[in-house]
Amino acid sequence: MSVSSESRKGDRIYVIEGFLAKPFIDDDGLLDSSKSKELDTGDSVTFLDWSLEAVGDNLEYFIHYTDNTGEKLKAVESYFVTEEVWNGLRDYFTKVVSS
């Protein structure tokens, strides 16, 4: 289920929890959500690579990806799942809802 170990460059991966992919901070130092780039649950992006980075006192896996506009970005691995996992979740919830 780990995107970093199971994905290869060019694979489609899916957002499992929405997040701000590219926050925009205005001249007053405030977040402007209308100019920020957001990814929603179910959006797909293209996997490029991964890295291990220090965040405070912790090490986090970051996924490097290309969004649907071609922009290269990165985010913490926990926001993503592989296509296989996404399809399994979709099938499961489709069955639950239709029961």
PDB file of N, CA and C in Angstrom:
ATOM      1  N   MET A   1       0.818  -1.194   0.000  1.00  0.00           N
ATOM      2  CA  MET A   1       0.000   0.000   0.000  1.00  0.00           C
ATOM      3  C   MET A   1       0.860   1.256   0.000  1.00  0.00           C
ATOM      4  N   SER A   2       2.161   1.104   0.105  1.00  0.00           N
ATOM      5  CA  SER A   2       3.055   2.246   0.145  1.00  0.00           C
ATOM      6  C   SER A   2       3.323   2.775  -1.262  1.00  0.00           C
ATOM      7  N   VAL A   3       2.933   4.002  -1.496  1.00  0.00           N
ATOM      8  CA  VAL A   3       3.139   4.614  -2.812  1.00  0.00           C
ATOM      9  C   VAL A   3       4.630   4.684  -3.138  1.00  0.00           C
ATOM     10  N   SER A   4       5.451   5.017  -2.138  1.00  0.00           N
ATOM     11  CA  SER A   4       6.886   5.181  -2.391  1.00  0.00           C
ATOM     12  C   SER A   4       7.552   3.880  -2.832  1.00  0.00           C
ATOM     13  N   SER A   5       7.123   2.751  -2.303  1.00  0.00           N
ATOM     14  CA  SER A   5       7.777   1.489  -2.653  1.00  0.00           C
ATOM     15  C   SER A   5       7.084   0.739  -3.793  1.00  0.00           C
ATOM     16  N   GLU A   6       5.820   1.033  -4.067  1.00  0.00           N
ATOM     17  CA  GLU A   6       5.080   0.282  -5.082  1.00  0.00           C
ATOM     18  C   GLU A   6       4.884   1.026  -6.398  1.00  0.00           C
ATOM     19  N   SER A   7       5.201   2.301  -6.440  1.00  0.00           N
ATOM     20  CA  SER A   7       4.960   3.091  -7.658  1.00  0.00           C
ATOM     21  C   SER A   7       6.246   3.317  -8.433  1.00  0.00           C
ATOM     22  N   ARG A   8       6.081   3.432  -9.714  1.00  0.00           N
ATOM     23  CA  ARG A   8       7.192   3.738 -10.623  1.00  0.00           C
ATOM     24  C   ARG A   8       6.867   5.032 -11.356  1.00  0.00           C
ATOM     25  N   LYS A   9       7.904   5.693 -11.835  1.00  0.00           N
ATOM     26  CA  LYS A   9       7.717   6.946 -12.558  1.00  0.00           C
ATOM     27  C   LYS A   9       6.685   6.759 -13.664  1.00  0.00           C
ATOM     28  N   GLY A  10       5.702   7.672 -13.687  1.00  0.00           N
ATOM     29  CA  GLY A  10       4.655   7.628 -14.697  1.00  0.00           C
ATOM     30  C   GLY A  10       3.370   6.965 -14.241  1.00  0.00           C
ATOM     31  N   ASP A  11       3.404   6.262 -13.090  1.00  0.00           N
ATOM     32  CA  ASP A  11       2.189   5.617 -12.576  1.00  0.00           C
ATOM     33  C   ASP A  11       1.175   6.658 -12.121  1.00  0.00           C
ATOM     34  N   ARG A  12      -0.110   6.330 -12.294  1.00  0.00           N
ATOM     35  CA  ARG A  12      -1.184   7.163 -11.744  1.00  0.00           C
ATOM     36  C   ARG A  12      -1.337   6.809 -10.276  1.00  0.00           C
ATOM     37  N   ILE A  13      -1.389   7.824  -9.414  1.00  0.00           N
ATOM     38  CA  ILE A  13      -1.684   7.624  -8.003  1.00  0.00           C
ATOM     39  C   ILE A  13      -2.858   8.530  -7.657  1.00  0.00           C
ATOM     40  N   TYR A  14      -3.542   8.207  -6.572  1.00  0.00           N
ATOM     41  CA  TYR A  14      -4.798   8.885  -6.249  1.00  0.00           C
ATOM     42  C   TYR A  14      -4.745   9.540  -4.882  1.00  0.00           C
ATOM     43  N   VAL A  15      -5.402  10.686  -4.789  1.00  0.00           N
ATOM     44  CA  VAL A  15      -5.487  11.434  -3.536  1.00  0.00           C
ATOM     45  C   VAL A  15      -6.541  10.762  -2.660  1.00  0.00           C
ATOM     46  N   ILE A  16      -6.151  10.381  -1.440  1.00  0.00           N
ATOM     47  CA  ILE A  16      -7.052   9.704  -0.510  1.00  0.00           C
ATOM     48  C   ILE A  16      -7.658  10.695   0.486  1.00  0.00           C
ATOM     49  N   GLU A  17      -7.044  11.874   0.600  1.00  0.00           N
ATOM     50  CA  GLU A  17      -7.550  12.946   1.467  1.00  0.00           C
ATOM     51  C   GLU A  17      -7.170  14.273   0.831  1.00  0.00           C
ATOM     52  N   GLY A  18      -8.147  15.155   0.666  1.00  0.00           N
ATOM     53  CA  GLY A  18      -7.883  16.445   0.035  1.00  0.00           C
ATOM     54  C   GLY A  18      -6.876  17.275   0.822  1.00  0.00           C
ATOM     55  N   PHE A  19      -6.108  18.091   0.109  1.00  0.00           N
ATOM     56  CA  PHE A  19      -5.113  18.951   0.754  1.00  0.00           C
ATOM     57  C   PHE A  19      -4.754  20.121  -0.155  1.00  0.00           C
ATOM     58  N   LEU A  20      -4.132  21.135   0.439  1.00  0.00           N
ATOM     59  CA  LEU A  20      -3.617  22.261  -0.341  1.00  0.00           C
ATOM     60  C   LEU A  20      -2.281  21.846  -0.938  1.00  0.00           C
ATOM     61  N   ALA A  21      -2.257  21.666  -2.236  1.00  0.00           N
ATOM     62  CA  ALA A  21      -1.049  21.221  -2.915  1.00  0.00           C
ATOM     63  C   ALA A  21      -0.042  22.356  -3.072  1.00  0.00           C
ATOM     64  N   LYS A  22      -0.562  23.580  -3.182  1.00  0.00           N
ATOM     65  CA  LYS A  22       0.314  24.738  -3.354  1.00  0.00           C
ATOM     66  C   LYS A  22      -0.378  25.950  -2.732  1.00  0.00           C
ATOM     67  N   PRO A  23      -0.142  26.179  -1.429  1.00  0.00           N
ATOM     68  CA  PRO A  23      -0.768  27.331  -0.763  1.00  0.00           C
ATOM     69  C   PRO A  23      -0.248  28.647  -1.343  1.00  0.00           C
ATOM     70  N   PHE A  24      -1.128  29.632  -1.452  1.00  0.00           N
ATOM     71  CA  PHE A  24      -0.746  30.967  -1.913  1.00  0.00           C
ATOM     72  C   PHE A  24      -0.874  31.921  -0.729  1.00  0.00           C
ATOM     73  N   ILE A  25       0.226  32.574  -0.393  1.00  0.00           N
ATOM     74  CA  ILE A  25       0.248  33.551   0.696  1.00  0.00           C
ATOM     75  C   ILE A  25       0.283  34.945   0.077  1.00  0.00           C
ATOM     76  N   ASP A  26      -0.676  35.798   0.473  1.00  0.00           N
ATOM     77  CA  ASP A  26      -0.750  37.144  -0.102  1.00  0.00           C
ATOM     78  C   ASP A  26       0.283  38.076   0.535  1.00  0.00           C
ATOM     79  N   ASP A  27       0.298  39.336   0.106  1.00  0.00           N
ATOM     80  CA  ASP A  27       1.288  40.311   0.578  1.00  0.00           C
ATOM     81  C   ASP A  27       1.183  40.602   2.070  1.00  0.00           C
ATOM     82  N   ASP A  28       0.015  40.335   2.657  1.00  0.00           N
ATOM     83  CA  ASP A  28      -0.179  40.545   4.094  1.00  0.00           C
ATOM     84  C   ASP A  28       0.195  39.311   4.910  1.00  0.00           C
ATOM     85  N   GLY A  29       0.683  38.284   4.237  1.00  0.00           N
ATOM     86  CA  GLY A  29       1.062  37.061   4.928  1.00  0.00           C
ATOM     87  C   GLY A  29      -0.101  36.136   5.237  1.00  0.00           C
ATOM     88  N   LEU A  30      -1.232  36.349   4.569  1.00  0.00           N
ATOM     89  CA  LEU A  30      -2.424  35.539   4.809  1.00  0.00           C
ATOM     90  C   LEU A  30      -2.640  34.539   3.675  1.00  0.00           C
ATOM     91  N   LEU A  31      -3.182  33.399   4.025  1.00  0.00           N
ATOM     92  CA  LEU A  31      -3.499  32.384   3.035  1.00  0.00           C
ATOM     93  C   LEU A  31      -4.656  32.854   2.164  1.00  0.00           C
ATOM     94  N   ASP A  32      -4.465  32.822   0.854  1.00  0.00           N
ATOM     95  CA  ASP A  32      -5.527  33.157  -0.096  1.00  0.00           C
ATOM     96  C   ASP A  32      -5.972  31.854  -0.757  1.00  0.00           C
ATOM     97  N   SER A  33      -7.068  31.287  -0.250  1.00  0.00           N
ATOM     98  CA  SER A  33      -7.515  29.984  -0.752  1.00  0.00           C
ATOM     99  C   SER A  33      -7.981  30.042  -2.204  1.00  0.00           C
ATOM    100  N   SER A  34      -8.427  31.211  -2.662  1.00  0.00           N
ATOM    101  CA  SER A  34      -8.888  31.315  -4.052  1.00  0.00           C
ATOM    102  C   SER A  34      -7.732  31.205  -5.047  1.00  0.00           C
ATOM    103  N   LYS A  35      -6.514  31.508  -4.609  1.00  0.00           N
ATOM    104  CA  LYS A  35      -5.343  31.418  -5.482  1.00  0.00           C
ATOM    105  C   LYS A  35      -4.467  30.205  -5.165  1.00  0.00           C
ATOM    106  N   SER A  36      -4.844  29.447  -4.144  1.00  0.00           N
ATOM    107  CA  SER A  36      -4.102  28.243  -3.777  1.00  0.00           C
ATOM    108  C   SER A  36      -4.541  27.081  -4.659  1.00  0.00           C
ATOM    109  N   LYS A  37      -3.640  26.150  -4.872  1.00  0.00           N
ATOM    110  CA  LYS A  37      -3.964  24.950  -5.650  1.00  0.00           C
ATOM    111  C   LYS A  37      -4.336  23.846  -4.669  1.00  0.00           C
ATOM    112  N   GLU A  38      -5.517  23.258  -4.876  1.00  0.00           N
ATOM    113  CA  GLU A  38      -6.026  22.226  -3.976  1.00  0.00           C
ATOM    114  C   GLU A  38      -6.282  20.938  -4.750  1.00  0.00           C
ATOM    115  N   LEU A  39      -5.973  19.823  -4.117  1.00  0.00           N
ATOM    116  CA  LEU A  39      -6.321  18.522  -4.681  1.00  0.00           C
ATOM    117  C   LEU A  39      -7.385  17.899  -3.792  1.00  0.00           C
ATOM    118  N   ASP A  40      -8.390  17.286  -4.419  1.00  0.00           N
ATOM    119  CA  ASP A  40      -9.506  16.687  -3.698  1.00  0.00           C
ATOM    120  C   ASP A  40      -9.399  15.166  -3.700  1.00  0.00           C
ATOM    121  N   THR A  41     -10.087  14.551  -2.771  1.00  0.00           N
ATOM    122  CA  THR A  41     -10.153  13.095  -2.722  1.00  0.00           C
ATOM    123  C   THR A  41     -10.621  12.567  -4.080  1.00  0.00           C
ATOM    124  N   GLY A  42      -9.872  11.605  -4.602  1.00  0.00           N
ATOM    125  CA  GLY A  42     -10.207  11.015  -5.898  1.00  0.00           C
ATOM    126  C   GLY A  42      -9.440  11.592  -7.065  1.00  0.00           C
ATOM    127  N   ASP A  43      -8.828  12.767  -6.884  1.00  0.00           N
ATOM    128  CA  ASP A  43      -8.005  13.324  -7.958  1.00  0.00           C
ATOM    129  C   ASP A  43      -6.815  12.398  -8.199  1.00  0.00           C
ATOM    130  N   SER A  44      -6.393  12.302  -9.438  1.00  0.00           N
ATOM    131  CA  SER A  44      -5.210  11.502  -9.747  1.00  0.00           C
ATOM    132  C   SER A  44      -4.093  12.415 -10.226  1.00  0.00           C
ATOM    133  N   VAL A  45      -2.876  11.992  -9.932  1.00  0.00           N
ATOM    134  CA  VAL A  45      -1.669  12.702 -10.340  1.00  0.00           C
ATOM    135  C   VAL A  45      -0.685  11.657 -10.854  1.00  0.00           C
ATOM    136  N   THR A  46       0.412  12.116 -11.430  1.00  0.00           N
ATOM    137  CA  THR A  46       1.415  11.204 -11.969  1.00  0.00           C
ATOM    138  C   THR A  46       2.622  11.147 -11.048  1.00  0.00           C
ATOM    139  N   PHE A  47       2.939   9.951 -10.589  1.00  0.00           N
ATOM    140  CA  PHE A  47       4.080   9.729  -9.699  1.00  0.00           C
ATOM    141  C   PHE A  47       5.384   9.996 -10.440  1.00  0.00           C
ATOM    142  N   LEU A  48       6.292  10.720  -9.786  1.00  0.00           N
ATOM    143  CA  LEU A  48       7.622  10.958 -10.341  1.00  0.00           C
ATOM    144  C   LEU A  48       8.702  10.246  -9.535  1.00  0.00           C
ATOM    145  N   ASP A  49       8.685  10.457  -8.206  1.00  0.00           N
ATOM    146  CA  ASP A  49       9.737   9.930  -7.343  1.00  0.00           C
ATOM    147  C   ASP A  49       9.316  10.138  -5.894  1.00  0.00           C
ATOM    148  N   TRP A  50      10.161   9.781  -4.966  1.00  0.00           N
ATOM    149  CA  TRP A  50       9.904  10.030  -3.557  1.00  0.00           C
ATOM    150  C   TRP A  50      11.199  10.470  -2.891  1.00  0.00           C
ATOM    151  N   SER A  51      11.068  11.080  -1.730  1.00  0.00           N
ATOM    152  CA  SER A  51      12.238  11.484  -0.949  1.00  0.00           C
ATOM    153  C   SER A  51      11.905  11.366   0.529  1.00  0.00           C
ATOM    154  N   LEU A  52      12.935  11.234   1.331  1.00  0.00           N
ATOM    155  CA  LEU A  52      12.808  11.200   2.781  1.00  0.00           C
ATOM    156  C   LEU A  52      13.351  12.521   3.298  1.00  0.00           C
ATOM    157  N   GLU A  53      12.512  13.288   4.010  1.00  0.00           N
ATOM    158  CA  GLU A  53      12.902  14.634   4.426  1.00  0.00           C
ATOM    159  C   GLU A  53      12.604  14.857   5.904  1.00  0.00           C
ATOM    160  N   ALA A  54      13.453  15.656   6.539  1.00  0.00           N
ATOM    161  CA  ALA A  54      13.253  16.019   7.943  1.00  0.00           C
ATOM    162  C   ALA A  54      12.167  17.082   8.043  1.00  0.00           C
ATOM    163  N   VAL A  55      11.197  16.823   8.920  1.00  0.00           N
ATOM    164  CA  VAL A  55      10.134  17.783   9.220  1.00  0.00           C
ATOM    165  C   VAL A  55      10.108  17.887  10.739  1.00  0.00           C
ATOM    166  N   GLY A  56      10.661  18.982  11.254  1.00  0.00           N
ATOM    167  CA  GLY A  56      10.816  19.090  12.702  1.00  0.00           C
ATOM    168  C   GLY A  56      11.757  18.000  13.178  1.00  0.00           C
ATOM    169  N   ASP A  57      11.320  17.216  14.151  1.00  0.00           N
ATOM    170  CA  ASP A  57      12.127  16.115  14.680  1.00  0.00           C
ATOM    171  C   ASP A  57      11.834  14.785  13.995  1.00  0.00           C
ATOM    172  N   ASN A  58      11.008  14.795  12.970  1.00  0.00           N
ATOM    173  CA  ASN A  58      10.589  13.562  12.302  1.00  0.00           C
ATOM    174  C   ASN A  58      11.126  13.480  10.882  1.00  0.00           C
ATOM    175  N   LEU A  59      11.177  12.262  10.374  1.00  0.00           N
ATOM    176  CA  LEU A  59      11.460  12.034   8.963  1.00  0.00           C
ATOM    177  C   LEU A  59      10.155  11.648   8.290  1.00  0.00           C
ATOM    178  N   GLU A  60       9.868  12.272   7.164  1.00  0.00           N
ATOM    179  CA  GLU A  60       8.624  12.023   6.429  1.00  0.00           C
ATOM    180  C   GLU A  60       8.959  11.618   4.996  1.00  0.00           C
ATOM    181  N   TYR A  61       8.163  10.695   4.458  1.00  0.00           N
ATOM    182  CA  TYR A  61       8.263  10.348   3.041  1.00  0.00           C
ATOM    183  C   TYR A  61       7.439  11.354   2.248  1.00  0.00           C
ATOM    184  N   PHE A  62       8.074  11.963   1.250  1.00  0.00           N
ATOM    185  CA  PHE A  62       7.382  12.889   0.361  1.00  0.00           C
ATOM    186  C   PHE A  62       7.284  12.256  -1.020  1.00  0.00           C
ATOM    187  N   ILE A  63       6.125  12.435  -1.632  1.00  0.00           N
ATOM    188  CA  ILE A  63       5.886  11.947  -2.983  1.00  0.00           C
ATOM    189  C   ILE A  63       6.009  13.124  -3.940  1.00  0.00           C
ATOM    190  N   HIS A  64       6.858  12.976  -4.939  1.00  0.00           N
ATOM    191  CA  HIS A  64       7.015  13.986  -5.986  1.00  0.00           C
ATOM    192  C   HIS A  64       6.100  13.566  -7.135  1.00  0.00           C
ATOM    193  N   TYR A  65       5.313  14.499  -7.622  1.00  0.00           N
ATOM    194  CA  TYR A  65       4.303  14.169  -8.624  1.00  0.00           C
ATOM    195  C   TYR A  65       4.093  15.329  -9.581  1.00  0.00           C
ATOM    196  N   THR A  66       3.422  15.030 -10.684  1.00  0.00           N
ATOM    197  CA  THR A  66       2.993  16.041 -11.645  1.00  0.00           C
ATOM    198  C   THR A  66       1.474  16.085 -11.600  1.00  0.00           C
ATOM    199  N   ASP A  67       0.924  17.298 -11.468  1.00  0.00           N
ATOM    200  CA  ASP A  67      -0.539  17.421 -11.440  1.00  0.00           C
ATOM    201  C   ASP A  67      -1.085  17.483 -12.866  1.00  0.00           C
ATOM    202  N   ASN A  68      -2.389  17.703 -12.999  1.00  0.00           N
ATOM    203  CA  ASN A  68      -3.015  17.684 -14.332  1.00  0.00           C
ATOM    204  C   ASN A  68      -2.644  18.878 -15.203  1.00  0.00           C
ATOM    205  N   THR A  69      -1.954  19.882 -14.636  1.00  0.00           N
ATOM    206  CA  THR A  69      -1.477  21.010 -15.439  1.00  0.00           C
ATOM    207  C   THR A  69      -0.015  20.832 -15.843  1.00  0.00           C
ATOM    208  N   GLY A  70       0.612  19.748 -15.361  1.00  0.00           N
ATOM    209  CA  GLY A  70       2.013  19.498 -15.663  1.00  0.00           C
ATOM    210  C   GLY A  70       2.979  20.069 -14.645  1.00  0.00           C
ATOM    211  N   GLU A  71       2.447  20.718 -13.611  1.00  0.00           N
ATOM    212  CA  GLU A  71       3.314  21.300 -12.588  1.00  0.00           C
ATOM    213  C   GLU A  71       3.861  20.209 -11.677  1.00  0.00           C
ATOM    214  N   LYS A  72       5.163  20.297 -11.372  1.00  0.00           N
ATOM    215  CA  LYS A  72       5.805  19.338 -10.476  1.00  0.00           C
ATOM    216  C   LYS A  72       5.678  19.840  -9.043  1.00  0.00           C
ATOM    217  N   LEU A  73       5.133  18.984  -8.174  1.00  0.00           N
ATOM    218  CA  LEU A  73       4.913  19.322  -6.771  1.00  0.00           C
ATOM    219  C   LEU A  73       5.296  18.127  -5.910  1.00  0.00           C
ATOM    220  N   LYS A  74       5.224  18.312  -4.587  1.00  0.00           N
ATOM    221  CA  LYS A  74       5.441  17.188  -3.680  1.00  0.00           C
ATOM    222  C   LYS A  74       4.540  17.348  -2.469  1.00  0.00           C
ATOM    223  N   ALA A  75       4.220  16.210  -1.846  1.00  0.00           N
ATOM    224  CA  ALA A  75       3.380  16.201  -0.650  1.00  0.00           C
ATOM    225  C   ALA A  75       3.691  14.945   0.150  1.00  0.00           C
ATOM    226  N   VAL A  76       3.295  14.957   1.406  1.00  0.00           N
ATOM    227  CA  VAL A  76       3.510  13.817   2.290  1.00  0.00           C
ATOM    228  C   VAL A  76       2.800  12.579   1.728  1.00  0.00           C
ATOM    229  N   GLU A  77       3.459  11.446   1.826  1.00  0.00           N
ATOM    230  CA  GLU A  77       2.965  10.199   1.235  1.00  0.00           C
ATOM    231  C   GLU A  77       1.570   9.800   1.706  1.00  0.00           C
ATOM    232  N   SER A  78       1.207  10.154   2.931  1.00  0.00           N
ATOM    233  CA  SER A  78      -0.081   9.705   3.482  1.00  0.00           C
ATOM    234  C   SER A  78      -1.288  10.264   2.732  1.00  0.00           C
ATOM    235  N   TYR A  79      -1.102  11.241   1.857  1.00  0.00           N
ATOM    236  CA  TYR A  79      -2.209  11.778   1.057  1.00  0.00           C
ATOM    237  C   TYR A  79      -2.542  10.920  -0.165  1.00  0.00           C
ATOM    238  N   PHE A  80      -1.726   9.912  -0.467  1.00  0.00           N
ATOM    239  CA  PHE A  80      -1.858   9.180  -1.725  1.00  0.00           C
ATOM    240  C   PHE A  80      -1.998   7.676  -1.532  1.00  0.00           C
ATOM    241  N   VAL A  81      -2.633   7.032  -2.508  1.00  0.00           N
ATOM    242  CA  VAL A  81      -2.653   5.570  -2.611  1.00  0.00           C
ATOM    243  C   VAL A  81      -2.390   5.190  -4.063  1.00  0.00           C
ATOM    244  N   THR A  82      -1.978   3.940  -4.249  1.00  0.00           N
ATOM    245  CA  THR A  82      -1.745   3.440  -5.603  1.00  0.00           C
ATOM    246  C   THR A  82      -3.077   3.243  -6.324  1.00  0.00           C
ATOM    247  N   GLU A  83      -3.001   3.082  -7.624  1.00  0.00           N
ATOM    248  CA  GLU A  83      -4.215   2.851  -8.409  1.00  0.00           C
ATOM    249  C   GLU A  83      -4.903   1.554  -7.983  1.00  0.00           C
ATOM    250  N   GLU A  84      -4.121   0.526  -7.674  1.00  0.00           N
ATOM    251  CA  GLU A  84      -4.690  -0.750  -7.234  1.00  0.00           C
ATOM    252  C   GLU A  84      -5.489  -0.574  -5.939  1.00  0.00           C
ATOM    253  N   VAL A  85      -4.931   0.140  -4.981  1.00  0.00           N
ATOM    254  CA  VAL A  85      -5.632   0.385  -3.717  1.00  0.00           C
ATOM    255  C   VAL A  85      -6.873   1.237  -3.960  1.00  0.00           C
ATOM    256  N   TRP A  86      -6.744   2.271  -4.781  1.00  0.00           N
ATOM    257  CA  TRP A  86      -7.886   3.141  -5.071  1.00  0.00           C
ATOM    258  C   TRP A  86      -9.040   2.337  -5.687  1.00  0.00           C
ATOM    259  N   ASN A  87      -8.723   1.484  -6.648  1.00  0.00           N
ATOM    260  CA  ASN A  87      -9.763   0.671  -7.287  1.00  0.00           C
ATOM    261  C   ASN A  87     -10.416  -0.283  -6.289  1.00  0.00           C
ATOM    262  N   GLY A  88      -9.628  -0.850  -5.388  1.00  0.00           N
ATOM    263  CA  GLY A  88     -10.173  -1.721  -4.359  1.00  0.00           C
ATOM    264  C   GLY A  88     -11.112  -0.984  -3.419  1.00  0.00           C
ATOM    265  N   LEU A  89     -10.732   0.214  -3.011  1.00  0.00           N
ATOM    266  CA  LEU A  89     -11.597   1.026  -2.147  1.00  0.00           C
ATOM    267  C   LEU A  89     -12.884   1.408  -2.868  1.00  0.00           C
ATOM    268  N   ARG A  90     -12.758   1.797  -4.131  1.00  0.00           N
ATOM    269  CA  ARG A  90     -13.937   2.163  -4.919  1.00  0.00           C
ATOM    270  C   ARG A  90     -14.902   0.983  -5.027  1.00  0.00           C
ATOM    271  N   ASP A  91     -14.363  -0.198  -5.332  1.00  0.00           N
ATOM    272  CA  ASP A  91     -15.211  -1.386  -5.446  1.00  0.00           C
ATOM    273  C   ASP A  91     -15.887  -1.711  -4.118  1.00  0.00           C
ATOM    274  N   TYR A  92     -15.142  -1.643  -3.035  1.00  0.00           N
ATOM    275  CA  TYR A  92     -15.699  -1.943  -1.714  1.00  0.00           C
ATOM    276  C   TYR A  92     -16.846  -0.994  -1.377  1.00  0.00           C
ATOM    277  N   PHE A  93     -16.610   0.309  -1.507  1.00  0.00           N
ATOM    278  CA  PHE A  93     -17.642   1.270  -1.132  1.00  0.00           C
ATOM    279  C   PHE A  93     -18.837   1.242  -2.089  1.00  0.00           C
ATOM    280  N   THR A  94     -18.610   0.883  -3.334  1.00  0.00           N
ATOM    281  CA  THR A  94     -19.722   0.719  -4.274  1.00  0.00           C
ATOM    282  C   THR A  94     -20.627  -0.423  -3.816  1.00  0.00           C
ATOM    283  N   LYS A  95     -20.026  -1.525  -3.361  1.00  0.00           N
ATOM    284  CA  LYS A  95     -20.805  -2.664  -2.863  1.00  0.00           C
ATOM    285  C   LYS A  95     -21.557  -2.300  -1.590  1.00  0.00           C
ATOM    286  N   VAL A  96     -20.902  -1.585  -0.680  1.00  0.00           N
ATOM    287  CA  VAL A  96     -21.530  -1.206   0.591  1.00  0.00           C
ATOM    288  C   VAL A  96     -22.725  -0.294   0.344  1.00  0.00           C
ATOM    289  N   VAL A  97     -22.570   0.679  -0.530  1.00  0.00           N
ATOM    290  CA  VAL A  97     -23.637   1.641  -0.809  1.00  0.00           C
ATOM    291  C   VAL A  97     -24.807   0.959  -1.515  1.00  0.00           C
ATOM    292  N   SER A  98     -24.515   0.014  -2.398  1.00  0.00           N
ATOM    293  CA  SER A  98     -25.589  -0.635  -3.159  1.00  0.00           C
ATOM    294  C   SER A  98     -26.283  -1.754  -2.372  1.00  0.00           C
ATOM    295  N   SER A  99     -25.765  -2.103  -1.206  1.00  0.00           N
ATOM    296  CA  SER A  99     -26.382  -3.172  -0.382  1.00  0.00           C
ATOM    297  C   SER A  99     -27.608  -2.700   0.352  1.00  0.00           C
TER     298      SER A  99
END
